[in-house]
Each structure stands twice: as structure tokens, then as C-alpha cells.
């Protein structure tokens, strides 16, 4: 059985989260929203507040800044919709822990590789409708610095794996949905 997996990606403020939320609401299914954000400052707390206000109050919220695979497995079931927002923040959480915030990272840590493998497997095993949101950050110039290049490269690889597993993929540009797959 092929998973019912929709992948939505786009740049900052492209409308990807709002589009994903609209698809989840239109599914008519009970929705679990898995948030991967960690609030680190006042400005980001405001962004999260706006997201919360936009979502229906009856949706279940699960916060999973690190263990996305288990959160997906716990929330997934037939006749249910899971919305994951977003892979971009999840990757940042895996790479930049409070303990390693000032360290120079040259290669993907084993813990992140393991988290990716677990998430990839969880996606393949889903039984319900799943919507995954991520940023497309690979359209610009090659970033300066090894840490930033590692982040851009790993997000690109993660996005490719999710897109390959998806039945539908959409690129959001200026609030417009451009179908890529399905």
C-alpha cells in the first residue's frame, strides 16, 4: 500500500504552512499537528503564536523538536491526518543543540543520521494521510562557511528523500501552489 503523503516546500513566507493547514482542514479527517520548532527568542515566539492562532482549536498538537519518527508513529492511523511543520526546523534542532551551539560542525552527526533513517522508515509505514512541510533553501548562492553548507546540503538531501516517497509534492511561490508531483 502506497502512503498518502503530500510534501509541501517553498521559501520563507511562501505560504507553505497555510497551504498545508488548508489541505489538512479540507481532508475532513481528525488532524494531529506535529510542530518541530524550539522557541529561542521573542521574535520566533511571535511567529509560533501566529501559527497557533491560525490553526483550529480542535486539532491535536504534538511538539517534537527532535524525535519526529516516534511522534509520527504515535499520531499516524488510518482515517487520520498528520501535518508535520517543518523539516527545516527539525534539521536545525538535530544539528545545533544547546550544548553544541558554538561548535563548528563539519559532518552530519551519527545521531542525525539515525534520526533521518528512523523518520524515513516511519514515513514509509504510514497508514493515514500525512502532510510534510519544508523549506526550499537550495535555490540561492552556495553559502559561505562549512556549517551553513552542511545544513543546506543535508536539508536538500532530506527534501529529496521525502519528495521521492511522496504521492504529491507542491512548491509554494508567492502564495501560489505549483504542482511538482501527483
Protein backbone atom coordinates (compact mmCIF):
# COMPACT_ATOMS: atom_id res chain seq x y z
CA UNK A 1 0.00 0.00 0.00
CA UNK A 2 1.37 3.42 -1.01
CA UNK A 3 1.37 6.02 1.77
CA UNK A 4 -0.88 9.07 1.32
CA UNK A 5 1.98 11.53 1.63
CA UNK A 6 1.86 15.16 0.49
CA UNK A 7 5.09 17.19 0.54
CA UNK A 8 4.91 20.97 0.51
CA UNK A 9 8.01 23.07 0.20
CA UNK A 10 8.85 26.66 -0.54
CA UNK A 11 10.82 29.64 0.60
CA UNK A 12 10.26 31.78 3.66
CA UNK A 13 6.81 33.38 3.67
CA UNK A 14 5.80 31.50 0.53
CA UNK A 15 2.52 30.30 2.05
CA UNK A 16 3.58 26.69 2.59
CA UNK A 17 2.28 26.33 6.16
CA UNK A 18 -1.06 27.99 5.39
CA UNK A 19 -1.46 25.75 2.33
CA UNK A 20 -0.65 22.64 4.35
CA UNK A 21 -3.13 23.67 7.04
CA UNK A 22 -5.81 24.25 4.40
CA UNK A 23 -5.22 20.77 2.93
CA UNK A 24 -5.41 19.20 6.38
CA UNK A 25 -8.66 21.03 7.18
CA UNK A 26 -10.16 20.13 3.79
CA UNK A 27 -9.36 16.44 4.33
CA UNK A 28 -12.30 16.22 6.74
CA UNK A 29 -10.20 13.95 8.96
CA UNK A 30 -9.13 14.44 12.56
CA UNK A 31 -5.78 16.29 12.46
CA UNK A 32 -2.65 16.00 14.55
CA UNK A 33 -0.23 18.87 14.04
CA UNK A 34 3.38 17.94 14.79
CA UNK A 35 5.42 21.08 15.46
CA UNK A 36 9.20 20.79 15.31
CA UNK A 37 10.04 24.33 16.47
CA UNK A 38 12.05 25.26 19.52
CA UNK A 39 11.34 28.79 20.66
CA UNK A 40 14.63 30.57 21.20
CA UNK A 41 13.77 34.26 21.15
CA UNK A 42 10.91 36.77 21.31
CA UNK A 43 10.59 37.20 17.53
CA UNK A 44 10.33 33.46 16.95
CA UNK A 45 7.83 33.13 19.79
CA UNK A 46 5.64 35.64 17.93
CA UNK A 47 5.87 33.56 14.74
CA UNK A 48 4.80 30.45 16.65
CA UNK A 49 1.93 32.37 18.29
CA UNK A 50 0.60 33.40 14.87
CA UNK A 51 0.75 29.79 13.67
CA UNK A 52 -1.12 28.62 16.75
CA UNK A 53 -3.85 31.24 16.33
CA UNK A 54 -4.39 30.22 12.71
CA UNK A 55 -4.92 26.53 13.50
CA UNK A 56 -8.29 25.13 14.53
CA UNK A 57 -8.53 24.65 18.29
CA UNK A 58 -9.77 21.06 17.93
CA UNK A 59 -6.56 19.88 16.24
CA UNK A 60 -4.23 17.88 18.43
CA UNK A 61 -0.80 19.45 18.88
CA UNK A 62 2.34 17.38 19.40
CA UNK A 63 5.67 19.11 19.90
CA UNK A 64 8.55 17.06 18.52
CA UNK A 65 11.71 19.11 18.14
CA UNK A 66 13.92 16.00 17.97
CA UNK A 67 12.08 12.66 17.90
CA UNK A 68 9.98 13.17 14.79
CA UNK A 69 9.86 9.49 13.86
CA UNK A 70 8.22 8.42 17.12
CA UNK A 71 5.86 11.40 17.06
CA UNK A 72 4.74 10.42 13.56
CA UNK A 73 4.31 6.76 14.51
CA UNK A 74 2.28 7.70 17.59
CA UNK A 75 -0.02 10.09 15.69
CA UNK A 76 -0.45 8.07 12.49
CA UNK A 77 -3.51 5.89 11.96
CA UNK A 78 -5.98 5.13 9.20
CA UNK A 79 -8.66 7.79 8.82
CA UNK A 80 -6.45 10.46 10.39
CA UNK A 81 -4.33 13.33 9.06
CA UNK A 82 -0.90 14.23 10.41
CA UNK A 83 0.64 17.58 9.48
CA UNK A 84 4.38 17.99 10.16
CA UNK A 85 5.66 21.58 10.18
CA UNK A 86 8.56 21.64 9.44
CA UNK A 87 11.62 19.63 8.42
CA UNK A 88 13.75 22.77 8.25
CA UNK A 89 13.50 23.44 11.97
CA UNK A 90 13.81 19.74 12.81
CA UNK A 91 17.14 19.55 10.98
CA UNK A 92 18.36 22.68 12.77
CA UNK A 93 17.41 21.09 16.10
CA UNK A 94 19.32 17.92 15.22
CA UNK A 95 22.45 19.78 14.14
CA UNK A 96 22.53 22.63 16.61
CA UNK A 97 21.75 21.51 20.13
CA UNK A 98 22.13 23.95 23.02
CA UNK A 99 25.27 22.01 24.03
CA UNK A 100 26.88 22.28 20.58
CA UNK A 101 25.62 25.74 19.57
CA UNK A 102 29.11 27.25 19.37
CA UNK A 103 30.90 24.26 17.84
CA UNK A 104 31.96 24.05 14.21
CA UNK A 105 30.22 21.06 12.58
CA UNK A 106 31.92 19.58 9.54
CA UNK A 107 29.97 16.37 9.04
CA UNK A 108 26.49 15.15 9.87
CA UNK A 109 26.49 13.66 13.39
CA UNK A 110 25.62 9.98 13.72
CA UNK A 111 22.63 10.91 15.87
CA UNK A 112 21.19 12.94 12.98
CA UNK A 113 21.82 10.08 10.52
CA UNK A 114 19.95 7.74 12.85
CA UNK A 115 17.07 10.22 13.24
CA UNK A 116 16.84 10.52 9.43
CA UNK A 117 16.76 6.74 8.98
CA UNK A 118 14.04 6.38 11.62
CA UNK A 119 11.97 9.18 10.06
CA UNK A 120 12.36 7.76 6.53
CA UNK A 121 11.12 4.38 7.82
CA UNK A 122 8.21 5.97 9.69
CA UNK A 123 7.12 7.79 6.52
CA UNK A 124 7.14 4.54 4.52
CA UNK A 125 4.96 2.83 7.14
CA UNK A 126 2.22 5.47 7.46
CA UNK A 127 -1.41 4.37 7.26
CA UNK A 128 -3.20 7.73 7.32
CA UNK A 129 -2.86 10.99 5.42
CA UNK A 130 0.44 12.77 6.08
CA UNK A 131 1.39 16.30 5.04
CA UNK A 132 5.01 17.36 5.44
CA UNK A 133 6.25 20.97 5.18
CA UNK A 134 9.83 22.03 4.48
CA UNK A 135 11.76 25.00 3.18
CA UNK A 136 13.45 25.01 -0.21
CA UNK A 137 16.70 26.81 0.55
CA UNK A 138 18.84 25.45 -2.26
CA UNK A 139 17.83 27.97 -4.92
CA UNK A 140 20.30 30.65 -3.90
CA UNK A 141 24.05 31.00 -3.95
CA UNK A 142 26.35 28.42 -2.37
CA UNK A 143 26.63 29.59 1.25
CA UNK A 144 29.90 30.64 2.85
CA UNK A 145 31.10 28.51 5.72
CA UNK A 146 31.18 24.78 6.23
CA UNK A 147 28.36 24.69 8.79
CA UNK A 148 25.94 26.53 6.53
CA UNK A 149 26.92 24.39 3.53
CA UNK A 150 26.38 21.24 5.61
CA UNK A 151 22.92 22.48 6.64
CA UNK A 152 21.89 23.38 3.07
CA UNK A 153 23.23 20.08 1.70
CA UNK A 154 21.55 17.93 4.34
CA UNK A 155 18.21 19.73 4.01
CA UNK A 156 18.41 19.26 0.25
CA UNK A 157 19.04 15.53 0.68
CA UNK A 158 16.24 15.23 3.25
CA UNK A 159 13.83 17.08 0.94
CA UNK A 160 14.77 14.78 -1.95
CA UNK A 161 14.04 11.66 0.11
CA UNK A 162 10.68 12.96 1.28
CA UNK A 163 9.75 14.10 -2.25
CA UNK A 164 10.64 10.66 -3.63
CA UNK A 165 8.45 8.96 -1.01
CA UNK A 166 5.54 11.36 -1.58
CA UNK A 167 2.49 10.73 -3.70
CA UNK A 168 2.09 14.51 -4.17
CA UNK A 169 4.60 17.36 -3.97
CA UNK A 170 3.87 21.08 -4.21
CA UNK A 171 6.20 24.06 -4.43
CA UNK A 172 4.78 27.24 -2.93
CA UNK A 173 5.82 30.50 -4.60
CA UNK A 174 4.31 33.86 -3.53
CA UNK A 175 1.28 32.07 -2.10
CA UNK A 176 0.71 30.06 -5.27
CA UNK A 177 0.81 26.27 -5.30
CA UNK A 178 2.84 24.79 -8.15
CA UNK A 179 2.28 21.03 -8.54
CA UNK A 180 5.53 19.09 -8.82
CA UNK A 181 4.24 15.55 -8.44
CA UNK A 182 0.90 13.78 -8.36
